[in-house]
Amino acid sequence: MTCRSSRSPPLAAQHPCYEARVPGSLFAFAGAVLFGAVALVVHLAVLLSVWRAPELSRTWHYAALLPPVTPVAAWRSGRRFAAIAWATAVSAYVAVRVVGLYIA
């Protein structure tokens, strides 16, 4: 039987060419949302710690508003753990998104 039939079945699951890809896509979406939320919270926490750092100039404070500059500013202010946590959270989010592209 070919996959290109002219009649449409009442349920997609009854079609012979139906592939159940919904659970993998759903897990990829849920993982992306979860890790995205974690990355956002970590980014805001690092940004707040950079803004409270007295040893940074005002230029670094404003530059830290750009997400790629935030861990650099945290590292320069001596908050090494915050910079590593930011990089880890963003890397995990990117990895989940890339894996989700291959699942979906």
N, C-alpha and C. Protein backbone atom coordinates (compact mmCIF):
# COMPACT_ATOMS: atom_id res chain seq x y z
N MET A 1 0.85 -1.17 0.00
CA MET A 1 0.00 0.00 0.00
C MET A 1 0.89 1.24 0.00
N THR A 2 0.55 2.22 -0.78
CA THR A 2 1.34 3.43 -0.85
C THR A 2 0.92 4.40 0.23
N CYS A 3 1.83 5.31 0.53
CA CYS A 3 1.55 6.30 1.57
C CYS A 3 0.73 7.46 1.05
N ARG A 4 0.62 7.58 -0.25
CA ARG A 4 -0.11 8.72 -0.82
C ARG A 4 -1.48 8.27 -1.32
N SER A 5 -2.37 8.06 -0.41
CA SER A 5 -3.72 7.65 -0.78
C SER A 5 -4.60 8.88 -0.92
N SER A 6 -5.62 8.76 -1.74
CA SER A 6 -6.51 9.90 -1.98
C SER A 6 -7.53 10.04 -0.85
N ARG A 7 -7.86 8.94 -0.19
CA ARG A 7 -8.83 9.04 0.89
C ARG A 7 -8.10 9.33 2.20
N SER A 8 -8.72 10.10 3.06
CA SER A 8 -8.10 10.40 4.35
C SER A 8 -8.75 9.54 5.42
N PRO A 9 -7.97 8.82 6.18
CA PRO A 9 -8.54 7.97 7.23
C PRO A 9 -9.08 8.83 8.36
N PRO A 10 -10.02 8.28 9.13
CA PRO A 10 -10.58 9.06 10.23
C PRO A 10 -9.56 9.36 11.31
N LEU A 11 -8.62 8.46 11.52
CA LEU A 11 -7.57 8.68 12.51
C LEU A 11 -6.22 8.51 11.84
N ALA A 12 -5.29 9.38 12.16
CA ALA A 12 -3.96 9.28 11.54
C ALA A 12 -3.24 8.02 11.97
N ALA A 13 -3.52 7.51 13.17
CA ALA A 13 -2.85 6.31 13.67
C ALA A 13 -3.25 5.08 12.86
N GLN A 14 -4.38 5.12 12.16
CA GLN A 14 -4.81 3.99 11.35
C GLN A 14 -4.13 3.96 9.99
N HIS A 15 -3.49 5.04 9.62
CA HIS A 15 -2.83 5.10 8.32
C HIS A 15 -1.57 4.25 8.35
N PRO A 16 -1.30 3.49 7.29
CA PRO A 16 -0.13 2.60 7.31
C PRO A 16 1.21 3.31 7.36
N CYS A 17 1.25 4.55 6.95
CA CYS A 17 2.52 5.29 6.94
C CYS A 17 2.71 6.15 8.19
N TYR A 18 1.81 6.02 9.13
CA TYR A 18 1.88 6.83 10.35
C TYR A 18 3.07 6.40 11.19
N GLU A 19 3.83 7.38 11.64
CA GLU A 19 4.95 7.11 12.54
C GLU A 19 4.70 7.85 13.85
N ALA A 20 4.79 7.15 14.93
CA ALA A 20 4.54 7.76 16.23
C ALA A 20 5.79 8.51 16.68
N ARG A 21 5.87 9.78 16.33
CA ARG A 21 7.02 10.59 16.70
C ARG A 21 6.66 11.61 17.77
N VAL A 22 5.47 11.61 18.21
CA VAL A 22 5.02 12.62 19.16
C VAL A 22 5.76 12.54 20.50
N PRO A 23 5.95 11.36 21.11
CA PRO A 23 6.62 11.34 22.42
C PRO A 23 8.03 11.91 22.38
N GLY A 24 8.81 11.57 21.36
CA GLY A 24 10.17 12.12 21.26
C GLY A 24 10.15 13.62 21.10
N SER A 25 9.25 14.11 20.27
CA SER A 25 9.14 15.55 20.06
C SER A 25 8.66 16.24 21.33
N LEU A 26 7.77 15.59 22.03
CA LEU A 26 7.25 16.17 23.27
C LEU A 26 8.35 16.26 24.32
N PHE A 27 9.16 15.20 24.44
CA PHE A 27 10.27 15.23 25.39
C PHE A 27 11.30 16.28 25.00
N ALA A 28 11.56 16.42 23.71
CA ALA A 28 12.52 17.43 23.25
C ALA A 28 12.01 18.83 23.57
N PHE A 29 10.72 19.05 23.37
CA PHE A 29 10.13 20.35 23.67
C PHE A 29 10.17 20.63 25.18
N ALA A 30 9.80 19.63 25.98
CA ALA A 30 9.81 19.82 27.44
C ALA A 30 11.23 20.05 27.95
N GLY A 31 12.19 19.34 27.40
CA GLY A 31 13.58 19.56 27.79
C GLY A 31 14.08 20.93 27.40
N ALA A 32 13.71 21.39 26.22
CA ALA A 32 14.12 22.73 25.79
C ALA A 32 13.50 23.81 26.67
N VAL A 33 12.25 23.63 27.04
CA VAL A 33 11.60 24.60 27.92
C VAL A 33 12.26 24.60 29.29
N LEU A 34 12.51 23.41 29.83
CA LEU A 34 13.12 23.30 31.15
C LEU A 34 14.53 23.90 31.17
N PHE A 35 15.36 23.48 30.23
CA PHE A 35 16.73 24.01 30.21
C PHE A 35 16.77 25.47 29.82
N GLY A 36 15.83 25.92 29.01
CA GLY A 36 15.75 27.35 28.69
C GLY A 36 15.43 28.18 29.91
N ALA A 37 14.51 27.67 30.74
CA ALA A 37 14.17 28.37 31.97
C ALA A 37 15.35 28.41 32.93
N VAL A 38 16.06 27.29 33.03
CA VAL A 38 17.25 27.25 33.90
C VAL A 38 18.30 28.24 33.40
N ALA A 39 18.53 28.25 32.08
CA ALA A 39 19.52 29.17 31.52
C ALA A 39 19.12 30.63 31.75
N LEU A 40 17.83 30.93 31.64
CA LEU A 40 17.36 32.29 31.87
C LEU A 40 17.56 32.71 33.32
N VAL A 41 17.22 31.83 34.25
CA VAL A 41 17.38 32.16 35.68
C VAL A 41 18.86 32.34 36.02
N VAL A 42 19.70 31.46 35.52
CA VAL A 42 21.14 31.58 35.79
C VAL A 42 21.68 32.87 35.17
N HIS A 43 21.23 33.19 33.97
CA HIS A 43 21.68 34.43 33.33
C HIS A 43 21.28 35.65 34.17
N LEU A 44 20.05 35.68 34.63
CA LEU A 44 19.61 36.82 35.44
C LEU A 44 20.36 36.90 36.77
N ALA A 45 20.66 35.75 37.36
CA ALA A 45 21.41 35.75 38.62
C ALA A 45 22.84 36.25 38.40
N VAL A 46 23.46 35.82 37.32
CA VAL A 46 24.83 36.28 37.02
C VAL A 46 24.81 37.76 36.68
N LEU A 47 23.82 38.19 35.93
CA LEU A 47 23.71 39.62 35.59
C LEU A 47 23.54 40.47 36.84
N LEU A 48 22.74 40.00 37.76
CA LEU A 48 22.55 40.73 39.02
C LEU A 48 23.84 40.79 39.82
N SER A 49 24.58 39.68 39.86
CA SER A 49 25.84 39.70 40.60
C SER A 49 26.87 40.61 39.93
N VAL A 50 26.85 40.68 38.61
CA VAL A 50 27.77 41.59 37.91
C VAL A 50 27.38 43.04 38.17
N TRP A 51 26.09 43.33 38.20
CA TRP A 51 25.66 44.70 38.46
C TRP A 51 26.00 45.14 39.88
N ARG A 52 26.09 44.20 40.80
CA ARG A 52 26.42 44.55 42.18
C ARG A 52 27.92 44.55 42.45
N ALA A 53 28.72 44.22 41.45
CA ALA A 53 30.17 44.14 41.63
C ALA A 53 30.77 45.55 41.64
N PRO A 54 31.37 45.97 42.75
CA PRO A 54 31.94 47.31 42.81
C PRO A 54 33.27 47.42 42.06
N GLU A 55 33.92 46.29 41.79
CA GLU A 55 35.24 46.36 41.16
C GLU A 55 35.19 46.51 39.64
N LEU A 56 33.99 46.49 39.05
CA LEU A 56 33.87 46.66 37.61
C LEU A 56 33.52 48.10 37.27
N SER A 57 33.99 48.53 36.12
CA SER A 57 33.63 49.88 35.67
C SER A 57 32.19 49.89 35.15
N ARG A 58 31.67 51.08 35.00
CA ARG A 58 30.29 51.22 34.52
C ARG A 58 30.14 50.67 33.10
N THR A 59 31.21 50.74 32.33
CA THR A 59 31.19 50.20 30.97
C THR A 59 30.92 48.70 30.99
N TRP A 60 31.58 47.98 31.89
CA TRP A 60 31.36 46.54 32.00
C TRP A 60 29.97 46.23 32.51
N HIS A 61 29.44 47.09 33.37
CA HIS A 61 28.09 46.87 33.88
C HIS A 61 27.08 46.92 32.73
N TYR A 62 27.23 47.91 31.86
CA TYR A 62 26.30 48.02 30.74
C TYR A 62 26.59 46.97 29.66
N ALA A 63 27.84 46.63 29.48
CA ALA A 63 28.17 45.60 28.49
C ALA A 63 27.64 44.24 28.90
N ALA A 64 27.50 44.01 30.19
CA ALA A 64 27.00 42.73 30.68
C ALA A 64 25.53 42.50 30.33
N LEU A 65 24.84 43.54 29.86
CA LEU A 65 23.47 43.36 29.42
C LEU A 65 23.40 42.50 28.15
N LEU A 66 24.49 42.44 27.40
CA LEU A 66 24.56 41.56 26.24
C LEU A 66 24.90 40.16 26.73
N PRO A 67 24.08 39.16 26.42
CA PRO A 67 24.29 37.83 26.99
C PRO A 67 25.69 37.23 26.78
N PRO A 68 26.34 37.37 25.61
CA PRO A 68 27.68 36.77 25.51
C PRO A 68 28.73 37.45 26.38
N VAL A 69 28.50 38.69 26.77
CA VAL A 69 29.47 39.43 27.58
C VAL A 69 29.28 39.16 29.07
N THR A 70 28.12 38.69 29.46
CA THR A 70 27.81 38.49 30.88
C THR A 70 28.81 37.58 31.59
N PRO A 71 29.15 36.39 31.06
CA PRO A 71 30.12 35.57 31.79
C PRO A 71 31.52 36.17 31.80
N VAL A 72 31.87 36.93 30.77
CA VAL A 72 33.18 37.58 30.75
C VAL A 72 33.25 38.63 31.85
N ALA A 73 32.19 39.41 31.99
CA ALA A 73 32.14 40.42 33.05
C ALA A 73 32.16 39.77 34.43
N ALA A 74 31.47 38.64 34.57
CA ALA A 74 31.48 37.92 35.85
C ALA A 74 32.88 37.40 36.16
N TRP A 75 33.56 36.90 35.16
CA TRP A 75 34.92 36.39 35.35
C TRP A 75 35.86 37.52 35.75
N ARG A 76 35.73 38.68 35.10
CA ARG A 76 36.59 39.83 35.41
C ARG A 76 36.33 40.38 36.81
N SER A 77 35.10 40.20 37.30
CA SER A 77 34.79 40.71 38.63
C SER A 77 35.16 39.72 39.73
N GLY A 78 35.70 38.55 39.35
CA GLY A 78 36.12 37.57 40.34
C GLY A 78 35.06 36.55 40.69
N ARG A 79 33.95 36.59 40.01
CA ARG A 79 32.87 35.62 40.26
C ARG A 79 33.00 34.47 39.26
N ARG A 80 33.99 33.65 39.49
CA ARG A 80 34.33 32.57 38.56
C ARG A 80 33.24 31.49 38.52
N PHE A 81 32.69 31.16 39.68
CA PHE A 81 31.64 30.14 39.72
C PHE A 81 30.43 30.59 38.92
N ALA A 82 30.08 31.86 39.01
CA ALA A 82 28.93 32.38 38.27
C ALA A 82 29.17 32.28 36.76
N ALA A 83 30.38 32.59 36.33
CA ALA A 83 30.69 32.51 34.90
C ALA A 83 30.63 31.06 34.41
N ILE A 84 31.14 30.14 35.21
CA ILE A 84 31.11 28.72 34.82
C ILE A 84 29.67 28.20 34.83
N ALA A 85 28.88 28.60 35.80
CA ALA A 85 27.47 28.18 35.86
C ALA A 85 26.71 28.70 34.65
N TRP A 86 26.97 29.94 34.23
CA TRP A 86 26.32 30.51 33.05
C TRP A 86 26.68 29.71 31.80
N ALA A 87 27.96 29.44 31.63
CA ALA A 87 28.41 28.69 30.45
C ALA A 87 27.83 27.27 30.44
N THR A 88 27.76 26.65 31.60
CA THR A 88 27.20 25.30 31.69
C THR A 88 25.71 25.29 31.36
N ALA A 89 24.96 26.24 31.89
CA ALA A 89 23.52 26.29 31.64
C ALA A 89 23.22 26.56 30.17
N VAL A 90 23.94 27.48 29.57
CA VAL A 90 23.70 27.79 28.16
C VAL A 90 24.15 26.63 27.27
N SER A 91 25.24 25.98 27.61
CA SER A 91 25.70 24.82 26.84
C SER A 91 24.69 23.67 26.91
N ALA A 92 24.13 23.44 28.08
CA ALA A 92 23.13 22.39 28.23
C ALA A 92 21.88 22.72 27.41
N TYR A 93 21.48 23.99 27.40
CA TYR A 93 20.31 24.39 26.61
C TYR A 93 20.56 24.19 25.11
N VAL A 94 21.74 24.58 24.65
CA VAL A 94 22.07 24.41 23.23
C VAL A 94 22.12 22.93 22.88
N ALA A 95 22.68 22.11 23.76
CA ALA A 95 22.76 20.67 23.49
C ALA A 95 21.37 20.05 23.40
N VAL A 96 20.46 20.45 24.28
CA VAL A 96 19.10 19.91 24.24
C VAL A 96 18.40 20.35 22.96
N ARG A 97 18.62 21.58 22.55
CA ARG A 97 18.00 22.04 21.30
C ARG A 97 18.53 21.30 20.09
N VAL A 98 19.84 21.05 20.05
CA VAL A 98 20.44 20.33 18.92
C VAL A 98 19.95 18.88 18.88
N VAL A 99 19.90 18.24 20.04
CA VAL A 99 19.40 16.87 20.09
C VAL A 99 17.92 16.84 19.70
N GLY A 100 17.18 17.86 20.11
CA GLY A 100 15.76 17.94 19.75
C GLY A 100 15.53 18.08 18.27
N LEU A 101 16.47 18.68 17.55
CA LEU A 101 16.34 18.78 16.10
C LEU A 101 16.41 17.41 15.44
N TYR A 102 17.21 16.52 16.00
CA TYR A 102 17.35 15.20 15.41
C TYR A 102 16.25 14.25 15.86
N ILE A 103 15.61 14.53 16.99
CA ILE A 103 14.51 13.69 17.45
C ILE A 103 13.24 14.02 16.68
N ALA A 104 13.01 15.32 16.51
CA ALA A 104 11.76 15.77 15.87
C ALA A 104 11.76 15.59 14.42
